[in-house]
Amino acid sequence: MTKKNSSGLTHPLNLNFLICSVLTLDPLNNFFKKIDIKSDLYLNPNTQNQGSILWLLCIKAYDTEFYELLNRHSLREAAYEIIKPLIITRKSNLILSKTNSYPKKRELLKKYLKKYKVLYKKYFLTHYQKSNTIKTDKIINHFALHALFLLVGI
């Protein structure tokens, strides 16, 4: 999930998007209750994120618990329901337009993206990164959707 940058250090960006997606979908999960979100989720590029959730995931107990959280059927089902409007085929699109449930599903997607964006900006962006909101919002939305597809397994 992580990739190496030119200096050979692990860049945790991809995992951060996935963690934020899980936090958005299930903020009351025991995994997030065990950590101090303000201090454990904040990522500081100058300190190599020591003490952040990424370091906690190196501990076997946290790693196992997060793995189990990612594989929960209810979490995957929620992610699927949110991205369903994006993966509808032509035939099923006609059926959905007749039942009028498509706008409701699209509204769910909008709410997810809004909540995800707020949480990501609050816990994962530095002050400097927050200043470029137009570009940042597009990137955050892209990776929010990408994380949902990862959770679903598509």
Protein backbone atom coordinates (compact mmCIF):
# COMPACT_ATOMS: atom_id res chain seq x y z
CA MET A 1 0.00 0.00 0.00
CA THR A 2 2.92 2.32 0.52
CA LYS A 3 5.45 3.31 -2.06
CA LYS A 4 9.08 4.33 -1.87
CA ASN A 5 10.16 7.82 -2.83
CA SER A 6 13.51 8.70 -4.43
CA SER A 7 15.28 8.72 -1.06
CA GLY A 8 14.14 5.16 -0.37
CA LEU A 9 11.83 6.17 2.48
CA THR A 10 8.34 4.79 2.61
CA HIS A 11 5.70 7.32 1.60
CA PRO A 12 2.49 6.61 3.56
CA LEU A 13 0.12 8.60 1.35
CA ASN A 14 -1.85 5.67 -0.06
CA LEU A 15 -2.40 4.13 3.35
CA ASN A 16 -3.53 7.51 4.69
CA PHE A 17 -6.33 7.67 2.14
CA LEU A 18 -7.45 4.17 3.09
CA ILE A 19 -7.33 4.95 6.82
CA CYS A 20 -9.35 8.11 6.23
CA SER A 21 -11.92 6.15 4.22
CA VAL A 22 -12.36 3.64 7.04
CA LEU A 23 -12.58 6.50 9.55
CA THR A 24 -15.25 8.15 7.38
CA LEU A 25 -17.31 4.98 7.07
CA ASP A 26 -16.96 3.75 10.66
CA PRO A 27 -15.72 6.51 13.00
CA LEU A 28 -17.08 4.82 16.13
CA ASN A 29 -15.15 1.60 15.62
CA ASN A 30 -13.14 0.36 18.62
CA PHE A 31 -9.93 0.67 16.59
CA PHE A 32 -10.31 4.45 16.45
CA LYS A 33 -11.39 4.61 20.09
CA LYS A 34 -8.08 3.06 21.18
CA ILE A 35 -6.01 5.79 19.58
CA ASP A 36 -5.93 9.51 20.20
CA ILE A 37 -7.07 10.78 16.82
CA LYS A 38 -5.66 14.28 17.30
CA SER A 39 -2.13 13.07 17.97
CA ASP A 40 -2.02 9.62 16.39
CA LEU A 41 -3.52 10.51 13.01
CA TYR A 42 -1.73 13.80 12.44
CA LEU A 43 1.10 13.25 10.00
CA ASN A 44 4.21 15.37 10.28
CA PRO A 45 6.59 14.97 7.33
CA ASN A 46 9.49 16.38 9.36
CA THR A 47 9.40 13.63 11.99
CA GLN A 48 8.84 10.67 9.65
CA ASN A 49 5.46 10.24 11.38
CA GLN A 50 6.88 8.67 14.51
CA GLY A 51 4.04 8.09 16.90
CA SER A 52 1.41 8.33 14.17
CA ILE A 53 -1.08 5.64 13.34
CA LEU A 54 1.29 4.37 10.66
CA TRP A 55 3.81 3.49 13.35
CA LEU A 56 1.04 1.94 15.44
CA LEU A 57 0.18 -0.34 12.52
CA CYS A 58 3.68 -1.79 12.79
CA ILE A 59 2.67 -3.21 16.17
CA LYS A 60 1.17 -6.66 15.60
CA ALA A 61 -1.99 -6.09 17.68
CA TYR A 62 -2.92 -2.89 15.85
CA ASP A 63 -1.97 -4.37 12.49
CA THR A 64 -4.22 -7.38 13.03
CA GLU A 65 -7.10 -5.27 14.29
CA PHE A 66 -6.90 -2.89 11.33
CA TYR A 67 -6.70 -5.83 8.93
CA GLU A 68 -9.85 -7.31 10.48
CA LEU A 69 -11.55 -3.91 10.26
CA LEU A 70 -10.73 -3.65 6.55
CA ASN A 71 -12.19 -7.10 5.94
CA ARG A 72 -15.47 -6.55 7.79
CA HIS A 73 -18.39 -7.36 5.52
CA SER A 74 -20.42 -4.38 6.76
CA LEU A 75 -17.62 -1.95 5.89
CA ARG A 76 -17.22 -3.41 2.41
CA GLU A 77 -20.99 -3.39 1.90
CA ALA A 78 -21.19 0.28 2.91
CA ALA A 79 -18.38 1.13 0.49
CA TYR A 80 -20.16 -0.76 -2.28
CA GLU A 81 -23.45 1.06 -1.67
CA ILE A 82 -21.66 4.39 -1.92
CA ILE A 83 -19.87 3.64 -5.21
CA LYS A 84 -22.80 1.81 -6.77
CA PRO A 85 -23.85 4.86 -8.88
CA LEU A 86 -20.38 4.85 -10.45
CA ILE A 87 -20.44 1.21 -11.54
CA ILE A 88 -23.95 0.93 -12.93
CA THR A 89 -24.29 -0.56 -16.40
CA ARG A 90 -26.67 0.79 -19.01
CA LYS A 91 -29.28 -1.87 -18.38
CA SER A 92 -29.36 -1.42 -14.62
CA ASN A 93 -29.30 2.37 -15.09
CA LEU A 94 -32.68 2.16 -16.80
CA ILE A 95 -34.07 0.10 -13.94
CA LEU A 96 -32.75 2.54 -11.34
CA SER A 97 -34.14 5.56 -13.13
CA LYS A 98 -37.62 3.97 -13.01
CA THR A 99 -37.40 3.25 -9.29
CA ASN A 100 -35.99 6.71 -8.57
CA SER A 101 -33.34 5.34 -6.16
CA TYR A 102 -30.41 6.62 -8.21
CA PRO A 103 -30.59 10.22 -6.88
CA LYS A 104 -30.59 8.85 -3.32
CA LYS A 105 -27.47 6.79 -4.02
CA ARG A 106 -25.79 9.79 -5.62
CA GLU A 107 -26.61 11.88 -2.55
CA LEU A 108 -24.96 9.22 -0.37
CA LEU A 109 -21.82 9.50 -2.50
CA LYS A 110 -21.81 13.30 -2.13
CA LYS A 111 -22.18 13.04 1.66
CA TYR A 112 -19.33 10.54 1.84
CA LEU A 113 -17.03 12.78 -0.21
CA LYS A 114 -17.88 15.80 1.92
CA LYS A 115 -17.25 13.97 5.20
CA TYR A 116 -14.08 12.37 3.84
CA LYS A 117 -12.74 15.74 2.72
CA VAL A 118 -13.36 17.30 6.13
CA LEU A 119 -11.65 14.44 7.98
CA TYR A 120 -8.74 14.29 5.58
CA LYS A 121 -8.08 18.02 5.79
CA LYS A 122 -8.42 17.95 9.57
CA TYR A 123 -6.09 15.03 10.27
CA PHE A 124 -3.87 14.40 7.26
CA LEU A 125 -2.98 17.73 5.66
CA THR A 126 -0.44 20.26 6.82
CA HIS A 127 -1.29 23.96 7.01
CA TYR A 128 0.64 24.60 3.78
CA GLN A 129 -1.24 21.90 1.88
CA LYS A 130 -4.62 23.24 3.04
CA SER A 131 -4.00 26.60 1.35
CA ASN A 132 -4.32 25.17 -2.18
CA THR A 133 -7.94 24.05 -1.76
CA ILE A 134 -9.10 23.78 -5.38
CA LYS A 135 -6.36 21.39 -6.46
CA THR A 136 -6.40 19.63 -3.12
CA ASP A 137 -10.17 19.01 -3.20
CA LYS A 138 -9.97 17.31 -6.58
CA ILE A 139 -7.09 15.12 -5.46
CA ILE A 140 -8.80 14.25 -2.18
CA ASN A 141 -12.04 13.32 -3.98
CA HIS A 142 -10.09 11.16 -6.41
CA PHE A 143 -8.35 9.23 -3.68
CA ALA A 144 -11.52 9.02 -1.57
CA LEU A 145 -13.17 7.16 -4.44
CA HIS A 146 -10.03 5.12 -5.03
CA ALA A 147 -10.08 4.02 -1.37
CA LEU A 148 -13.72 2.93 -1.71
CA PHE A 149 -12.87 0.81 -4.73
CA LEU A 150 -9.99 -0.74 -2.76
CA LEU A 151 -12.30 -1.56 0.14
CA VAL A 152 -14.83 -3.17 -2.17
CA GLY A 153 -12.12 -5.07 -3.99
CA ILE A 154 -12.72 -3.70 -7.48
